[in-house]
């Protein structure tokens, strides 16, 4: 939690508009690897961008995000399978994006590691 808060503090209001989820996850991964405890962490990141109607999802060790657009009943599964944070400095992280609008439902859970 502390690493995430520290990493987010460097973003000024104008820099928040250009937030890059993959770069953020890569930085967190490096910080976790540099920590003396040598722990690994699971993480879900969902970034909602109402100006571009986009949802960006990154999962490190968890399952997919379910997206149900407003007025529909069948969920779309957004998958972004990545290693846990702290596994390797050379891990290449991936993200997935989907159209998103206010009123859509997003379901995320962190009950079990995948």
N, C-alpha and C. Protein backbone atom coordinates (compact mmCIF):
# COMPACT_ATOMS: atom_id res chain seq x y z
N UNK A 1 0.83 -1.19 0.00
CA UNK A 1 0.00 0.00 0.00
C UNK A 1 0.87 1.25 0.00
N UNK A 2 1.92 1.23 0.80
CA UNK A 2 2.81 2.38 0.88
C UNK A 2 3.52 2.65 -0.44
N UNK A 3 3.94 1.58 -1.11
CA UNK A 3 4.61 1.74 -2.40
C UNK A 3 3.68 2.35 -3.43
N UNK A 4 2.42 1.94 -3.41
CA UNK A 4 1.45 2.47 -4.36
C UNK A 4 1.20 3.94 -4.09
N UNK A 5 0.99 4.30 -2.83
CA UNK A 5 0.75 5.70 -2.48
C UNK A 5 1.95 6.57 -2.85
N UNK A 6 3.15 6.09 -2.56
CA UNK A 6 4.35 6.84 -2.89
C UNK A 6 4.48 7.03 -4.40
N UNK A 7 4.21 6.00 -5.16
CA UNK A 7 4.32 6.08 -6.61
C UNK A 7 3.30 7.03 -7.21
N UNK A 8 2.11 7.08 -6.63
CA UNK A 8 1.07 7.96 -7.16
C UNK A 8 1.31 9.43 -6.81
N UNK A 9 2.05 9.71 -5.76
CA UNK A 9 2.29 11.09 -5.35
C UNK A 9 3.10 11.88 -6.37
N UNK A 10 3.88 11.21 -7.19
CA UNK A 10 4.70 11.92 -8.16
C UNK A 10 3.89 12.47 -9.33
N UNK A 11 2.64 12.06 -9.44
CA UNK A 11 1.80 12.53 -10.53
C UNK A 11 1.11 13.84 -10.16
N UNK A 12 1.45 14.89 -10.88
CA UNK A 12 0.79 16.18 -10.71
C UNK A 12 -0.57 16.08 -11.38
N UNK A 13 -1.46 17.05 -11.14
CA UNK A 13 -2.77 16.98 -11.80
C UNK A 13 -2.67 16.87 -13.32
N UNK A 14 -1.73 17.56 -13.95
CA UNK A 14 -1.60 17.46 -15.41
C UNK A 14 -1.00 16.12 -15.82
N UNK A 15 -0.13 15.56 -14.98
CA UNK A 15 0.47 14.26 -15.29
C UNK A 15 -0.53 13.13 -15.11
N UNK A 16 -1.54 13.32 -14.27
CA UNK A 16 -2.55 12.28 -14.08
C UNK A 16 -3.31 12.00 -15.36
N UNK A 17 -3.41 13.00 -16.23
CA UNK A 17 -4.11 12.82 -17.49
C UNK A 17 -3.34 11.89 -18.43
N UNK A 18 -2.04 11.74 -18.20
CA UNK A 18 -1.22 10.88 -19.05
C UNK A 18 -0.73 9.64 -18.29
N UNK A 19 -1.44 9.25 -17.27
CA UNK A 19 -1.08 8.07 -16.47
C UNK A 19 -0.99 6.84 -17.36
N UNK A 20 0.12 6.13 -17.27
CA UNK A 20 0.34 4.92 -18.06
C UNK A 20 0.33 3.71 -17.13
N UNK A 21 -0.72 2.90 -17.17
CA UNK A 21 -0.84 1.77 -16.25
C UNK A 21 0.33 0.79 -16.31
N UNK A 22 0.80 0.45 -17.50
CA UNK A 22 1.90 -0.51 -17.62
C UNK A 22 3.17 0.05 -16.98
N UNK A 23 3.49 1.31 -17.23
CA UNK A 23 4.67 1.93 -16.63
C UNK A 23 4.55 1.93 -15.10
N UNK A 24 3.35 2.19 -14.60
CA UNK A 24 3.11 2.19 -13.16
C UNK A 24 3.34 0.80 -12.57
N UNK A 25 2.81 -0.23 -13.22
CA UNK A 25 2.98 -1.61 -12.74
C UNK A 25 4.45 -2.02 -12.81
N UNK A 26 5.15 -1.63 -13.87
CA UNK A 26 6.57 -1.95 -13.98
C UNK A 26 7.37 -1.31 -12.85
N UNK A 27 7.01 -0.08 -12.50
CA UNK A 27 7.70 0.60 -11.39
C UNK A 27 7.43 -0.12 -10.07
N UNK A 28 6.17 -0.48 -9.83
CA UNK A 28 5.83 -1.22 -8.60
C UNK A 28 6.58 -2.55 -8.55
N UNK A 29 6.66 -3.24 -9.68
CA UNK A 29 7.37 -4.51 -9.74
C UNK A 29 8.84 -4.32 -9.35
N UNK A 30 9.46 -3.26 -9.88
CA UNK A 30 10.86 -2.98 -9.54
C UNK A 30 11.02 -2.68 -8.05
N UNK A 31 10.10 -1.88 -7.48
CA UNK A 31 10.16 -1.57 -6.06
C UNK A 31 10.02 -2.82 -5.19
N UNK A 32 9.10 -3.71 -5.59
CA UNK A 32 8.90 -4.95 -4.83
C UNK A 32 10.16 -5.81 -4.91
N UNK A 33 10.76 -5.88 -6.09
CA UNK A 33 11.98 -6.68 -6.25
C UNK A 33 13.16 -6.11 -5.46
N UNK A 34 13.18 -4.80 -5.26
CA UNK A 34 14.27 -4.16 -4.52
C UNK A 34 14.08 -4.27 -3.01
N UNK A 35 12.88 -4.64 -2.58
CA UNK A 35 12.60 -4.74 -1.15
C UNK A 35 13.33 -5.94 -0.55
N UNK A 36 13.83 -5.79 0.65
CA UNK A 36 14.62 -6.85 1.28
C UNK A 36 13.79 -8.07 1.70
N UNK A 37 12.48 -7.92 1.77
CA UNK A 37 11.63 -9.04 2.20
C UNK A 37 11.45 -10.11 1.13
N UNK A 38 11.72 -9.77 -0.11
CA UNK A 38 11.59 -10.70 -1.23
C UNK A 38 10.22 -11.35 -1.30
N UNK A 39 9.17 -10.58 -1.07
CA UNK A 39 7.81 -11.08 -1.17
C UNK A 39 7.27 -10.86 -2.58
N UNK A 40 6.23 -11.61 -2.91
CA UNK A 40 5.53 -11.44 -4.17
C UNK A 40 4.11 -11.01 -3.86
N UNK A 41 3.53 -10.18 -4.73
CA UNK A 41 2.21 -9.63 -4.47
C UNK A 41 1.31 -9.77 -5.68
N UNK A 42 0.04 -10.03 -5.41
CA UNK A 42 -0.99 -10.00 -6.44
C UNK A 42 -1.59 -8.59 -6.46
N UNK A 43 -2.07 -8.19 -7.63
CA UNK A 43 -2.63 -6.84 -7.77
C UNK A 43 -3.62 -6.81 -8.91
N UNK A 44 -4.71 -6.11 -8.71
CA UNK A 44 -5.65 -5.77 -9.77
C UNK A 44 -5.63 -4.26 -9.94
N UNK A 45 -5.59 -3.80 -11.17
CA UNK A 45 -5.67 -2.37 -11.44
C UNK A 45 -6.75 -2.14 -12.49
N UNK A 46 -7.69 -1.27 -12.17
CA UNK A 46 -8.73 -0.87 -13.12
C UNK A 46 -8.67 0.65 -13.23
N UNK A 47 -8.47 1.13 -14.43
CA UNK A 47 -8.44 2.57 -14.70
C UNK A 47 -9.64 2.91 -15.57
N UNK A 48 -10.51 3.77 -15.06
CA UNK A 48 -11.69 4.21 -15.81
C UNK A 48 -11.42 5.59 -16.36
N UNK A 49 -11.57 5.74 -17.67
CA UNK A 49 -11.33 7.01 -18.35
C UNK A 49 -12.64 7.47 -18.99
N UNK A 50 -13.44 8.28 -18.27
CA UNK A 50 -14.73 8.70 -18.82
C UNK A 50 -14.62 9.64 -20.02
N UNK A 51 -13.48 10.32 -20.18
CA UNK A 51 -13.31 11.21 -21.33
C UNK A 51 -13.15 10.43 -22.63
N UNK A 52 -12.55 9.24 -22.54
CA UNK A 52 -12.36 8.40 -23.73
C UNK A 52 -13.26 7.17 -23.72
N UNK A 53 -14.12 7.05 -22.69
CA UNK A 53 -15.02 5.89 -22.56
C UNK A 53 -14.27 4.57 -22.58
N UNK A 54 -13.16 4.51 -21.80
CA UNK A 54 -12.34 3.31 -21.77
C UNK A 54 -12.15 2.79 -20.35
N UNK A 55 -12.12 1.48 -20.23
CA UNK A 55 -11.70 0.81 -19.00
C UNK A 55 -10.43 0.04 -19.33
N UNK A 56 -9.39 0.24 -18.54
CA UNK A 56 -8.13 -0.48 -18.71
C UNK A 56 -7.97 -1.40 -17.51
N UNK A 57 -7.60 -2.65 -17.76
CA UNK A 57 -7.49 -3.65 -16.70
C UNK A 57 -6.15 -4.36 -16.78
N UNK A 58 -5.50 -4.46 -15.61
CA UNK A 58 -4.27 -5.24 -15.47
C UNK A 58 -4.44 -6.14 -14.25
N UNK A 59 -4.17 -7.43 -14.44
CA UNK A 59 -4.23 -8.38 -13.34
C UNK A 59 -2.87 -9.04 -13.18
N UNK A 60 -2.36 -8.99 -11.98
CA UNK A 60 -1.11 -9.69 -11.64
C UNK A 60 -1.46 -10.75 -10.60
N UNK A 61 -1.82 -11.94 -11.10
CA UNK A 61 -2.10 -13.05 -10.21
C UNK A 61 -3.56 -13.29 -9.90
N UNK A 62 -4.45 -12.49 -10.43
CA UNK A 62 -5.88 -12.68 -10.17
C UNK A 62 -6.60 -13.06 -11.46
N UNK A 63 -7.91 -13.25 -11.34
CA UNK A 63 -8.73 -13.68 -12.46
C UNK A 63 -9.16 -12.50 -13.32
N UNK A 64 -10.02 -12.77 -14.26
CA UNK A 64 -10.50 -11.77 -15.20
C UNK A 64 -11.45 -10.77 -14.55
N UNK A 65 -11.65 -9.67 -15.23
CA UNK A 65 -12.65 -8.66 -14.88
C UNK A 65 -13.88 -8.94 -15.73
N UNK A 66 -15.05 -8.90 -15.12
CA UNK A 66 -16.28 -9.09 -15.88
C UNK A 66 -16.91 -7.73 -16.13
N UNK A 67 -17.29 -7.48 -17.38
CA UNK A 67 -17.87 -6.19 -17.78
C UNK A 67 -19.24 -6.45 -18.40
N UNK A 68 -20.26 -5.85 -17.78
CA UNK A 68 -21.62 -5.94 -18.32
C UNK A 68 -22.05 -4.54 -18.72
N UNK A 69 -22.08 -4.26 -20.03
CA UNK A 69 -22.54 -2.95 -20.48
C UNK A 69 -23.99 -2.70 -20.07
N UNK A 70 -24.30 -1.44 -19.82
CA UNK A 70 -25.65 -1.07 -19.40
C UNK A 70 -26.66 -1.56 -20.43
N UNK A 71 -27.74 -2.17 -19.95
CA UNK A 71 -28.80 -2.66 -20.83
C UNK A 71 -28.57 -4.06 -21.37
N UNK A 72 -27.43 -4.66 -21.04
CA UNK A 72 -27.15 -6.02 -21.49
C UNK A 72 -27.11 -6.96 -20.29
N UNK A 73 -27.18 -8.26 -20.53
CA UNK A 73 -27.17 -9.21 -19.42
C UNK A 73 -25.98 -10.17 -19.48
N UNK A 74 -25.33 -10.27 -20.62
CA UNK A 74 -24.20 -11.18 -20.74
C UNK A 74 -22.89 -10.44 -20.49
N UNK A 75 -22.08 -10.96 -19.57
CA UNK A 75 -20.81 -10.29 -19.29
C UNK A 75 -19.75 -10.58 -20.35
N UNK A 76 -18.89 -9.59 -20.54
CA UNK A 76 -17.67 -9.79 -21.34
C UNK A 76 -16.55 -10.02 -20.34
N UNK A 77 -15.67 -10.93 -20.67
CA UNK A 77 -14.56 -11.28 -19.78
C UNK A 77 -13.32 -10.55 -20.28
N UNK A 78 -12.75 -9.68 -19.44
CA UNK A 78 -11.53 -8.97 -19.78
C UNK A 78 -10.38 -9.67 -19.06
N UNK A 79 -9.48 -10.23 -19.82
CA UNK A 79 -8.39 -11.00 -19.25
C UNK A 79 -7.06 -10.31 -19.46
N UNK A 80 -6.25 -10.33 -18.43
CA UNK A 80 -4.91 -9.75 -18.49
C UNK A 80 -4.04 -10.53 -17.52
N UNK A 81 -3.61 -11.70 -17.92
CA UNK A 81 -2.87 -12.58 -17.04
C UNK A 81 -1.39 -12.20 -17.00
N UNK A 82 -0.94 -11.80 -15.84
CA UNK A 82 0.46 -11.43 -15.64
C UNK A 82 1.00 -12.13 -14.40
N UNK A 83 2.33 -12.22 -14.33
CA UNK A 83 2.97 -12.76 -13.13
C UNK A 83 2.65 -11.88 -11.93
N UNK A 84 2.82 -12.44 -10.75
CA UNK A 84 2.75 -11.65 -9.53
C UNK A 84 3.84 -10.57 -9.56
N UNK A 85 3.62 -9.48 -8.85
CA UNK A 85 4.67 -8.47 -8.70
C UNK A 85 5.78 -9.07 -7.85
N UNK A 86 7.01 -8.85 -8.26
CA UNK A 86 8.15 -9.35 -7.50
C UNK A 86 8.71 -10.66 -8.00
N UNK A 87 8.22 -11.18 -9.12
CA UNK A 87 8.72 -12.44 -9.66
C UNK A 87 10.03 -12.23 -10.43
N UNK A 88 10.04 -11.24 -11.32
CA UNK A 88 11.21 -11.03 -12.17
C UNK A 88 11.25 -9.59 -12.67
N UNK A 89 12.45 -9.05 -12.80
CA UNK A 89 12.62 -7.71 -13.34
C UNK A 89 12.33 -7.69 -14.84
N UNK A 90 12.40 -8.83 -15.49
CA UNK A 90 12.19 -8.88 -16.94
C UNK A 90 10.75 -9.24 -17.32
N UNK A 91 9.87 -9.33 -16.35
CA UNK A 91 8.47 -9.62 -16.65
C UNK A 91 7.90 -8.55 -17.57
N UNK A 92 7.24 -8.99 -18.63
CA UNK A 92 6.55 -8.07 -19.52
C UNK A 92 5.06 -8.11 -19.18
N UNK A 93 4.53 -6.99 -18.74
CA UNK A 93 3.14 -6.91 -18.31
C UNK A 93 2.25 -6.53 -19.48
N UNK A 94 1.02 -7.04 -19.44
CA UNK A 94 0.05 -6.70 -20.48
C UNK A 94 -1.20 -6.14 -19.83
N UNK A 95 -1.94 -5.38 -20.61
CA UNK A 95 -3.20 -4.80 -20.16
C UNK A 95 -4.25 -5.10 -21.21
N UNK A 96 -5.49 -4.94 -20.83
CA UNK A 96 -6.58 -5.05 -21.79
C UNK A 96 -7.48 -3.84 -21.60
N UNK A 97 -8.07 -3.38 -22.68
CA UNK A 97 -8.98 -2.24 -22.61
C UNK A 97 -10.31 -2.62 -23.24
N UNK A 98 -11.35 -1.92 -22.83
CA UNK A 98 -12.68 -2.15 -23.37
C UNK A 98 -13.44 -0.84 -23.31
N UNK A 99 -14.42 -0.69 -24.19
CA UNK A 99 -15.29 0.48 -24.09
C UNK A 99 -16.00 0.43 -22.74
N UNK A 100 -16.14 1.58 -22.12
CA UNK A 100 -16.79 1.66 -20.82
C UNK A 100 -17.59 2.95 -20.76
N UNK A 101 -18.78 2.86 -20.20
CA UNK A 101 -19.63 4.03 -20.02
C UNK A 101 -20.20 4.03 -18.62
N UNK A 102 -20.44 5.21 -18.06
CA UNK A 102 -21.11 5.25 -16.76
C UNK A 102 -22.41 4.45 -16.84
N UNK A 103 -22.66 3.65 -15.83
CA UNK A 103 -23.83 2.77 -15.83
C UNK A 103 -23.48 1.33 -16.15
N UNK A 104 -22.32 1.10 -16.77
CA UNK A 104 -21.87 -0.27 -17.00
C UNK A 104 -21.49 -0.89 -15.66
N UNK A 105 -21.56 -2.20 -15.58
CA UNK A 105 -21.17 -2.91 -14.36
C UNK A 105 -19.82 -3.60 -14.57
N UNK A 106 -18.95 -3.44 -13.61
CA UNK A 106 -17.65 -4.12 -13.63
C UNK A 106 -17.56 -4.97 -12.37
N UNK A 107 -17.22 -6.24 -12.53
CA UNK A 107 -17.09 -7.15 -11.41
C UNK A 107 -15.67 -7.65 -11.33
N UNK A 108 -15.09 -7.44 -10.17
CA UNK A 108 -13.73 -7.88 -9.93
C UNK A 108 -13.70 -8.56 -8.57
N UNK A 109 -12.95 -9.62 -8.47
CA UNK A 109 -12.83 -10.26 -7.15
C UNK A 109 -11.38 -10.68 -6.97
N UNK A 110 -11.02 -10.81 -5.73
CA UNK A 110 -9.66 -11.23 -5.41
C UNK A 110 -9.70 -12.35 -4.37
N UNK A 111 -10.64 -13.26 -4.57
CA UNK A 111 -10.84 -14.32 -3.58
C UNK A 111 -9.78 -15.41 -3.67
N UNK A 112 -9.28 -15.69 -4.87
CA UNK A 112 -8.26 -16.73 -5.01
C UNK A 112 -7.24 -16.30 -6.04
N UNK A 113 -6.03 -16.76 -5.87
CA UNK A 113 -5.00 -16.54 -6.87
C UNK A 113 -5.19 -17.53 -8.01
N UNK A 114 -4.93 -17.07 -9.23
CA UNK A 114 -5.08 -17.98 -10.37
C UNK A 114 -3.79 -18.70 -10.67
